[in-house]
Amino acid sequence: MRCDHCSRSEATVFVELHHNIGMLFARRSYTTAAELCRKCLGKSFWHHTLRNLTLGWWGTISFFVTWYYLLSNIVTYVQARAEMGRSRQRAAPAVKEARGADALRILQPFEHNIRMQLRMGDDPSDIARDMARLHGVESSAAQAFVEQLRTSA
C-alpha cells in the first residue's frame, strides 16, 4: 500500500497516534490516523511523544490524558513495528489463475463493462490485461473473452 504521508509504495500499517496540549483550564487533542510506512511512523511517533512530554501536562485533566496518550502511543508504535516486521518476512502466496471454462465463468458478469470499454475506444489488450490481473484469470483466457466480445459487437 501507499503511505498516507509520503505516498511511497512500501509496507504500511494503520496507526492512531495522539497528543494533548494542556492550557491550564482548557485542552486540545490532536490525532494522526493513517496508513504509515516505517519512516513516517517513526516521525509521527516522535512528533506526538515530544508534544505530549512538553505541552501535555499543563492542566488537571491534561495531566492524566497525557499519561494515557503516552502509554497508548508507545503500545501502538511497538505493535505497528512488530506488524511491519511480520509483513516483510511473509512471502506472497502463490495464486492459481483460472483458465478455460472457469475463467469464462469469472469474466461473464463483467461482459457489459467490457463492452462499454470497447465502445469508448479502449485497447482490447489493455482491457484483457486489467481483467486478468483483477479477477485472477489467465491473460490468454481474458484476451480471448475480450476478443470474442469485440467481434460480436
N, C-alpha and C. Protein backbone atom coordinates (compact mmCIF):
# COMPACT_ATOMS: atom_id res chain seq x y z
N MET A 1 0.83 -1.18 0.00
CA MET A 1 0.00 0.00 0.00
C MET A 1 0.88 1.25 0.00
N ARG A 2 0.24 2.36 -0.21
CA ARG A 2 0.96 3.63 -0.19
C ARG A 2 0.85 4.28 1.18
N CYS A 3 1.92 4.92 1.57
CA CYS A 3 1.95 5.67 2.83
C CYS A 3 1.09 6.93 2.65
N ASP A 4 0.23 7.21 3.61
CA ASP A 4 -0.64 8.38 3.53
C ASP A 4 0.12 9.70 3.68
N HIS A 5 1.31 9.68 4.25
CA HIS A 5 2.07 10.92 4.44
C HIS A 5 3.02 11.19 3.28
N CYS A 6 3.81 10.21 2.88
CA CYS A 6 4.84 10.45 1.86
C CYS A 6 4.49 9.84 0.50
N SER A 7 3.44 9.04 0.42
CA SER A 7 2.95 8.42 -0.82
C SER A 7 3.91 7.41 -1.43
N ARG A 8 4.87 6.91 -0.65
CA ARG A 8 5.76 5.87 -1.16
C ARG A 8 5.05 4.52 -1.12
N SER A 9 5.35 3.67 -2.09
CA SER A 9 4.80 2.32 -2.11
C SER A 9 5.70 1.41 -1.30
N GLU A 10 5.42 1.32 -0.03
CA GLU A 10 6.18 0.47 0.89
C GLU A 10 5.19 -0.23 1.80
N ALA A 11 5.72 -1.12 2.61
CA ALA A 11 4.88 -1.77 3.61
C ALA A 11 4.36 -0.71 4.56
N THR A 12 3.05 -0.71 4.78
CA THR A 12 2.43 0.27 5.67
C THR A 12 1.62 -0.44 6.73
N VAL A 13 1.28 0.30 7.75
CA VAL A 13 0.43 -0.21 8.82
C VAL A 13 -0.45 0.94 9.29
N PHE A 14 -1.71 0.63 9.63
CA PHE A 14 -2.62 1.66 10.11
C PHE A 14 -2.35 1.93 11.58
N VAL A 15 -2.19 3.20 11.93
CA VAL A 15 -1.97 3.58 13.33
C VAL A 15 -2.81 4.81 13.67
N GLU A 16 -3.08 4.94 14.96
CA GLU A 16 -3.67 6.16 15.51
C GLU A 16 -2.77 6.62 16.64
N LEU A 17 -2.17 7.78 16.46
CA LEU A 17 -1.30 8.37 17.48
C LEU A 17 -1.92 9.68 17.94
N HIS A 18 -1.77 9.99 19.23
CA HIS A 18 -2.42 11.17 19.80
C HIS A 18 -1.43 12.02 20.57
N HIS A 19 -1.72 13.32 20.64
CA HIS A 19 -1.04 14.16 21.61
C HIS A 19 -2.03 15.18 22.17
N ASN A 20 -1.71 15.64 23.35
CA ASN A 20 -2.58 16.53 24.10
C ASN A 20 -1.81 17.81 24.40
N ILE A 21 -2.50 18.93 24.31
CA ILE A 21 -1.91 20.20 24.71
C ILE A 21 -2.77 20.76 25.84
N GLY A 22 -2.16 20.88 27.01
CA GLY A 22 -2.88 21.41 28.17
C GLY A 22 -2.72 22.91 28.25
N MET A 23 -3.83 23.61 28.59
CA MET A 23 -3.81 25.07 28.67
C MET A 23 -4.46 25.53 29.98
N LEU A 24 -4.00 25.02 31.10
CA LEU A 24 -4.49 25.29 32.45
C LEU A 24 -5.98 24.98 32.61
N PHE A 25 -6.86 25.72 31.94
CA PHE A 25 -8.29 25.49 32.10
C PHE A 25 -8.94 24.91 30.85
N ALA A 26 -8.16 24.60 29.85
CA ALA A 26 -8.68 24.00 28.61
C ALA A 26 -7.63 23.03 28.09
N ARG A 27 -8.00 22.28 27.09
CA ARG A 27 -7.04 21.36 26.48
C ARG A 27 -7.45 21.10 25.04
N ARG A 28 -6.49 20.67 24.23
CA ARG A 28 -6.75 20.29 22.84
C ARG A 28 -6.07 18.97 22.58
N SER A 29 -6.75 18.13 21.81
CA SER A 29 -6.18 16.84 21.43
C SER A 29 -6.00 16.81 19.92
N TYR A 30 -4.92 16.19 19.49
CA TYR A 30 -4.62 16.03 18.07
C TYR A 30 -4.37 14.56 17.79
N THR A 31 -4.79 14.11 16.62
CA THR A 31 -4.67 12.69 16.27
C THR A 31 -4.12 12.55 14.86
N THR A 32 -3.27 11.57 14.68
CA THR A 32 -2.85 11.12 13.36
C THR A 32 -3.40 9.71 13.20
N ALA A 33 -4.31 9.53 12.26
CA ALA A 33 -4.88 8.21 11.97
C ALA A 33 -4.63 7.96 10.49
N ALA A 34 -3.67 7.09 10.18
CA ALA A 34 -3.26 6.92 8.78
C ALA A 34 -2.51 5.61 8.58
N GLU A 35 -2.39 5.22 7.31
CA GLU A 35 -1.51 4.13 6.90
C GLU A 35 -0.12 4.74 6.72
N LEU A 36 0.83 4.30 7.54
CA LEU A 36 2.16 4.90 7.52
C LEU A 36 3.24 3.87 7.23
N CYS A 37 4.27 4.31 6.50
CA CYS A 37 5.45 3.47 6.28
C CYS A 37 6.33 3.55 7.53
N ARG A 38 7.40 2.79 7.55
CA ARG A 38 8.28 2.73 8.72
C ARG A 38 8.86 4.12 9.06
N LYS A 39 9.31 4.84 8.04
CA LYS A 39 9.93 6.15 8.28
C LYS A 39 8.91 7.16 8.83
N CYS A 40 7.74 7.23 8.21
CA CYS A 40 6.72 8.18 8.66
C CYS A 40 6.13 7.78 10.01
N LEU A 41 6.10 6.48 10.29
CA LEU A 41 5.64 6.02 11.60
C LEU A 41 6.56 6.56 12.69
N GLY A 42 7.86 6.45 12.47
CA GLY A 42 8.82 6.97 13.44
C GLY A 42 8.70 8.47 13.62
N LYS A 43 8.57 9.20 12.50
CA LYS A 43 8.43 10.65 12.58
C LYS A 43 7.17 11.04 13.36
N SER A 44 6.06 10.40 13.05
CA SER A 44 4.80 10.73 13.72
C SER A 44 4.85 10.36 15.19
N PHE A 45 5.43 9.20 15.49
CA PHE A 45 5.54 8.78 16.89
C PHE A 45 6.31 9.81 17.70
N TRP A 46 7.47 10.24 17.20
CA TRP A 46 8.27 11.21 17.95
C TRP A 46 7.61 12.58 17.98
N HIS A 47 6.91 12.96 16.92
CA HIS A 47 6.17 14.23 16.90
C HIS A 47 5.16 14.26 18.06
N HIS A 48 4.34 13.21 18.15
CA HIS A 48 3.32 13.16 19.20
C HIS A 48 3.94 12.99 20.59
N THR A 49 4.97 12.19 20.70
CA THR A 49 5.60 11.96 22.00
C THR A 49 6.22 13.24 22.55
N LEU A 50 6.95 13.97 21.73
CA LEU A 50 7.59 15.20 22.19
C LEU A 50 6.56 16.26 22.58
N ARG A 51 5.48 16.34 21.85
CA ARG A 51 4.44 17.31 22.20
C ARG A 51 3.75 16.91 23.50
N ASN A 52 3.52 15.61 23.68
CA ASN A 52 2.94 15.16 24.95
C ASN A 52 3.86 15.51 26.11
N LEU A 53 5.16 15.26 25.94
CA LEU A 53 6.10 15.50 27.04
C LEU A 53 6.29 16.97 27.37
N THR A 54 6.20 17.84 26.37
CA THR A 54 6.46 19.25 26.62
C THR A 54 5.19 20.07 26.85
N LEU A 55 4.12 19.77 26.14
CA LEU A 55 2.93 20.61 26.20
C LEU A 55 1.72 19.95 26.85
N GLY A 56 1.83 18.69 27.18
CA GLY A 56 0.65 17.96 27.62
C GLY A 56 0.29 18.10 29.08
N TRP A 57 1.20 18.51 29.93
CA TRP A 57 0.99 18.46 31.37
C TRP A 57 0.22 19.64 31.94
N TRP A 58 0.03 20.69 31.21
CA TRP A 58 -0.43 21.97 31.75
C TRP A 58 -1.94 22.01 31.94
N GLY A 59 -2.42 21.33 32.94
CA GLY A 59 -3.84 21.32 33.28
C GLY A 59 -4.17 20.06 34.05
N THR A 60 -5.20 20.11 34.86
CA THR A 60 -5.53 18.97 35.71
C THR A 60 -5.94 17.76 34.89
N ILE A 61 -6.89 17.94 34.00
CA ILE A 61 -7.33 16.83 33.15
C ILE A 61 -6.22 16.44 32.19
N SER A 62 -5.56 17.43 31.64
CA SER A 62 -4.49 17.17 30.67
C SER A 62 -3.37 16.33 31.25
N PHE A 63 -3.09 16.50 32.54
CA PHE A 63 -2.05 15.72 33.19
C PHE A 63 -2.33 14.23 33.04
N PHE A 64 -3.57 13.81 33.27
CA PHE A 64 -3.93 12.39 33.20
C PHE A 64 -4.10 11.92 31.75
N VAL A 65 -4.66 12.77 30.91
CA VAL A 65 -4.83 12.40 29.49
C VAL A 65 -3.47 12.19 28.84
N THR A 66 -2.51 13.01 29.19
CA THR A 66 -1.17 12.89 28.61
C THR A 66 -0.54 11.55 28.96
N TRP A 67 -0.68 11.11 30.20
CA TRP A 67 -0.16 9.79 30.58
C TRP A 67 -0.80 8.70 29.72
N TYR A 68 -2.11 8.78 29.55
CA TYR A 68 -2.82 7.78 28.75
C TYR A 68 -2.31 7.80 27.31
N TYR A 69 -2.21 9.00 26.73
CA TYR A 69 -1.75 9.10 25.34
C TYR A 69 -0.32 8.59 25.18
N LEU A 70 0.55 8.90 26.12
CA LEU A 70 1.93 8.42 26.04
C LEU A 70 1.99 6.89 26.02
N LEU A 71 1.29 6.27 26.96
CA LEU A 71 1.29 4.80 27.01
C LEU A 71 0.62 4.20 25.78
N SER A 72 -0.48 4.78 25.37
CA SER A 72 -1.20 4.29 24.18
C SER A 72 -0.32 4.39 22.94
N ASN A 73 0.37 5.51 22.77
CA ASN A 73 1.24 5.70 21.61
C ASN A 73 2.41 4.71 21.60
N ILE A 74 2.98 4.45 22.77
CA ILE A 74 4.09 3.50 22.85
C ILE A 74 3.62 2.10 22.47
N VAL A 75 2.48 1.69 23.00
CA VAL A 75 1.94 0.36 22.67
C VAL A 75 1.62 0.28 21.18
N THR A 76 0.99 1.32 20.64
CA THR A 76 0.66 1.35 19.21
C THR A 76 1.92 1.27 18.35
N TYR A 77 2.95 2.02 18.72
CA TYR A 77 4.20 2.05 17.97
C TYR A 77 4.87 0.67 17.97
N VAL A 78 4.96 0.05 19.13
CA VAL A 78 5.60 -1.27 19.24
C VAL A 78 4.81 -2.30 18.43
N GLN A 79 3.49 -2.28 18.53
CA GLN A 79 2.67 -3.23 17.77
C GLN A 79 2.81 -2.99 16.27
N ALA A 80 2.83 -1.74 15.85
CA ALA A 80 2.95 -1.42 14.43
C ALA A 80 4.30 -1.87 13.88
N ARG A 81 5.38 -1.64 14.63
CA ARG A 81 6.70 -2.08 14.17
C ARG A 81 6.76 -3.60 14.09
N ALA A 82 6.15 -4.29 15.05
CA ALA A 82 6.13 -5.76 15.01
C ALA A 82 5.34 -6.25 13.81
N GLU A 83 4.22 -5.60 13.52
CA GLU A 83 3.40 -5.99 12.37
C GLU A 83 4.14 -5.75 11.06
N MET A 84 4.88 -4.66 10.97
CA MET A 84 5.67 -4.39 9.77
C MET A 84 6.75 -5.44 9.58
N GLY A 85 7.35 -5.88 10.66
CA GLY A 85 8.38 -6.92 10.58
C GLY A 85 7.81 -8.22 10.08
N ARG A 86 6.61 -8.58 10.55
CA ARG A 86 5.97 -9.82 10.10
C ARG A 86 5.59 -9.74 8.63
N SER A 87 5.09 -8.58 8.19
CA SER A 87 4.66 -8.47 6.80
C SER A 87 5.85 -8.51 5.85
N ARG A 88 7.02 -8.07 6.31
CA ARG A 88 8.20 -8.09 5.46
C ARG A 88 8.71 -9.52 5.28
N GLN A 89 8.57 -10.37 6.30
CA GLN A 89 9.08 -11.73 6.25
C GLN A 89 8.16 -12.66 5.47
N ARG A 90 6.89 -12.32 5.42
CA ARG A 90 5.92 -13.18 4.78
C ARG A 90 6.05 -13.12 3.26
N ALA A 91 6.02 -14.25 2.61
CA ALA A 91 6.05 -14.28 1.15
C ALA A 91 4.61 -14.28 0.64
N ALA A 92 4.43 -13.69 -0.51
CA ALA A 92 3.09 -13.66 -1.09
C ALA A 92 2.67 -15.07 -1.48
N PRO A 93 1.45 -15.46 -1.16
CA PRO A 93 1.00 -16.80 -1.52
C PRO A 93 0.85 -16.94 -3.03
N ALA A 94 1.15 -18.10 -3.52
CA ALA A 94 1.02 -18.36 -4.95
C ALA A 94 -0.46 -18.41 -5.31
N VAL A 95 -0.84 -17.66 -6.33
CA VAL A 95 -2.23 -17.60 -6.75
C VAL A 95 -2.37 -18.40 -8.04
N LYS A 96 -3.30 -19.35 -8.02
CA LYS A 96 -3.57 -20.11 -9.24
C LYS A 96 -4.54 -19.31 -10.08
N GLU A 97 -4.17 -19.13 -11.33
CA GLU A 97 -5.04 -18.39 -12.23
C GLU A 97 -6.06 -19.34 -12.83
N ALA A 98 -7.30 -18.86 -12.94
CA ALA A 98 -8.36 -19.66 -13.54
C ALA A 98 -8.14 -19.72 -15.05
N ARG A 99 -8.50 -20.85 -15.62
CA ARG A 99 -8.37 -21.00 -17.07
C ARG A 99 -9.59 -21.68 -17.64
N GLY A 100 -9.76 -21.58 -18.93
CA GLY A 100 -10.84 -22.26 -19.63
C GLY A 100 -12.22 -21.83 -19.18
N ALA A 101 -13.07 -22.84 -18.89
CA ALA A 101 -14.46 -22.58 -18.50
C ALA A 101 -14.54 -21.80 -17.20
N ASP A 102 -13.63 -22.06 -16.28
CA ASP A 102 -13.63 -21.31 -15.01
C ASP A 102 -13.37 -19.83 -15.26
N ALA A 103 -12.45 -19.53 -16.16
CA ALA A 103 -12.14 -18.14 -16.48
C ALA A 103 -13.36 -17.45 -17.11
N LEU A 104 -14.03 -18.15 -18.01
CA LEU A 104 -15.23 -17.57 -18.64
C LEU A 104 -16.32 -17.33 -17.60
N ARG A 105 -16.47 -18.25 -16.66
CA ARG A 105 -17.48 -18.10 -15.60
C ARG A 105 -17.16 -16.88 -14.74
N ILE A 106 -15.89 -16.64 -14.48
CA ILE A 106 -15.49 -15.49 -13.67
C ILE A 106 -15.68 -14.18 -14.43
N LEU A 107 -15.37 -14.18 -15.73
CA LEU A 107 -15.43 -12.95 -16.52
C LEU A 107 -16.83 -12.60 -17.02
N GLN A 108 -17.71 -13.57 -17.10
CA GLN A 108 -19.05 -13.36 -17.66
C GLN A 108 -19.81 -12.20 -17.02
N PRO A 109 -19.80 -12.04 -15.70
CA PRO A 109 -20.55 -10.91 -15.11
C PRO A 109 -20.05 -9.53 -15.54
N PHE A 110 -18.85 -9.46 -16.11
CA PHE A 110 -18.27 -8.18 -16.48
C PHE A 110 -18.41 -7.90 -17.98
N GLU A 111 -19.24 -8.68 -18.66
CA GLU A 111 -19.42 -8.53 -20.10
C GLU A 111 -19.86 -7.11 -20.46
N HIS A 112 -20.85 -6.58 -19.73
CA HIS A 112 -21.35 -5.24 -20.03
C HIS A 112 -20.24 -4.20 -19.86
N ASN A 113 -19.47 -4.31 -18.80
CA ASN A 113 -18.39 -3.35 -18.56
C ASN A 113 -17.36 -3.39 -19.69
N ILE A 114 -17.04 -4.60 -20.13
CA ILE A 114 -16.06 -4.74 -21.21
C ILE A 114 -16.60 -4.14 -22.49
N ARG A 115 -17.88 -4.40 -22.78
CA ARG A 115 -18.49 -3.82 -23.99
C ARG A 115 -18.45 -2.29 -23.94
N MET A 116 -18.72 -1.72 -22.77
CA MET A 116 -18.67 -0.26 -22.62
C MET A 116 -17.26 0.27 -22.86
N GLN A 117 -16.26 -0.44 -22.33
CA GLN A 117 -14.88 0.00 -22.54
C GLN A 117 -14.51 -0.09 -24.02
N LEU A 118 -14.97 -1.13 -24.71
CA LEU A 118 -14.69 -1.26 -26.13
C LEU A 118 -15.36 -0.13 -26.91
N ARG A 119 -16.60 0.22 -26.55
CA ARG A 119 -17.30 1.31 -27.23
C ARG A 119 -16.59 2.65 -27.01
N MET A 120 -15.98 2.81 -25.85
CA MET A 120 -15.27 4.06 -25.56
C MET A 120 -13.91 4.11 -26.26
N GLY A 121 -13.53 3.03 -26.94
CA GLY A 121 -12.29 3.03 -27.70
C GLY A 121 -11.07 2.53 -26.95
N ASP A 122 -11.26 1.91 -25.79
CA ASP A 122 -10.12 1.36 -25.05
C ASP A 122 -9.50 0.21 -25.82
N ASP A 123 -8.21 0.06 -25.69
CA ASP A 123 -7.47 -1.00 -26.37
C ASP A 123 -7.86 -2.37 -25.79
N PRO A 124 -8.27 -3.33 -26.64
CA PRO A 124 -8.67 -4.65 -26.14
C PRO A 124 -7.60 -5.36 -25.32
N SER A 125 -6.34 -5.19 -25.69
CA SER A 125 -5.28 -5.87 -24.93
C SER A 125 -5.14 -5.26 -23.52
N ASP A 126 -5.36 -3.94 -23.41
CA ASP A 126 -5.33 -3.31 -22.08
C ASP A 126 -6.49 -3.79 -21.22
N ILE A 127 -7.66 -3.90 -21.83
CA ILE A 127 -8.84 -4.38 -21.10
C ILE A 127 -8.59 -5.80 -20.62
N ALA A 128 -8.07 -6.65 -21.50
CA ALA A 128 -7.83 -8.05 -21.14
C ALA A 128 -6.78 -8.16 -20.04
N ARG A 129 -5.73 -7.36 -20.13
CA ARG A 129 -4.69 -7.39 -19.09
C ARG A 129 -5.27 -6.99 -17.73
N ASP A 130 -6.08 -5.94 -17.72
CA ASP A 130 -6.70 -5.50 -16.47
C ASP A 130 -7.65 -6.55 -15.91
N MET A 131 -8.45 -7.16 -16.77
CA MET A 131 -9.40 -8.18 -16.32
C MET A 131 -8.65 -9.39 -15.75
N ALA A 132 -7.57 -9.79 -16.40
CA ALA A 132 -6.79 -10.93 -15.92
C ALA A 132 -6.17 -10.63 -14.56
N ARG A 133 -5.63 -9.44 -14.42
CA ARG A 133 -4.98 -9.06 -13.16
C ARG A 133 -6.00 -8.92 -12.03
N LEU A 134 -7.12 -8.29 -12.30
CA LEU A 134 -8.10 -8.03 -11.25
C LEU A 134 -8.88 -9.26 -10.82
N HIS A 135 -9.10 -10.20 -11.74
CA HIS A 135 -10.00 -11.31 -11.45
C HIS A 135 -9.32 -12.67 -11.39
N GLY A 136 -8.00 -12.69 -11.51
CA GLY A 136 -7.26 -13.93 -11.31
C GLY A 136 -7.49 -14.98 -12.38
N VAL A 137 -7.55 -14.54 -13.63
CA VAL A 137 -7.69 -15.49 -14.73
C VAL A 137 -6.45 -15.37 -15.62
N GLU A 138 -6.21 -16.41 -16.41
CA GLU A 138 -5.07 -16.37 -17.34
C GLU A 138 -5.27 -15.25 -18.34
N SER A 139 -4.19 -14.60 -18.70
CA SER A 139 -4.30 -13.49 -19.64
C SER A 139 -4.78 -13.95 -21.01
N SER A 140 -4.42 -15.17 -21.40
CA SER A 140 -4.89 -15.67 -22.70
C SER A 140 -6.41 -15.88 -22.68
N ALA A 141 -6.96 -16.34 -21.56
CA ALA A 141 -8.41 -16.52 -21.45
C ALA A 141 -9.11 -15.17 -21.46
N ALA A 142 -8.55 -14.19 -20.77
CA ALA A 142 -9.14 -12.85 -20.76
C ALA A 142 -9.07 -12.23 -22.15
N GLN A 143 -7.93 -12.43 -22.83
CA GLN A 143 -7.77 -11.90 -24.18
C GLN A 143 -8.80 -12.51 -25.12
N ALA A 144 -9.00 -13.82 -25.03
CA ALA A 144 -9.99 -14.50 -25.88
C ALA A 144 -11.40 -13.99 -25.58
N PHE A 145 -11.72 -13.79 -24.31
CA PHE A 145 -13.05 -13.31 -23.93
C PHE A 145 -13.30 -11.91 -24.47
N VAL A 146 -12.33 -11.02 -24.33
CA VAL A 146 -12.48 -9.65 -24.83
C VAL A 146 -12.57 -9.66 -26.35
N GLU A 147 -11.76 -10.47 -26.98
CA GLU A 147 -11.78 -10.55 -28.45
C GLU A 147 -13.12 -11.06 -28.95
N GLN A 148 -13.68 -12.04 -28.26
CA GLN A 148 -14.99 -12.59 -28.62
C GLN A 148 -16.06 -11.50 -28.52
N LEU A 149 -16.01 -10.70 -27.47
CA LEU A 149 -16.98 -9.61 -27.31
C LEU A 149 -16.76 -8.52 -28.36
N ARG A 150 -15.51 -8.26 -28.71
CA ARG A 150 -15.22 -7.23 -29.70
C ARG A 150 -15.77 -7.60 -31.07
N THR A 151 -15.63 -8.87 -31.44
CA THR A 151 -16.09 -9.29 -32.77
C THR A 151 -17.60 -9.47 -32.83
N SER A 152 -18.24 -9.73 -31.69
CA SER A 152 -19.69 -9.93 -31.70
C SER A 152 -20.44 -8.60 -31.60
N ALA A 153 -19.76 -7.52 -31.30
CA ALA A 153 -20.44 -6.23 -31.11
C ALA A 153 -20.74 -5.55 -32.41
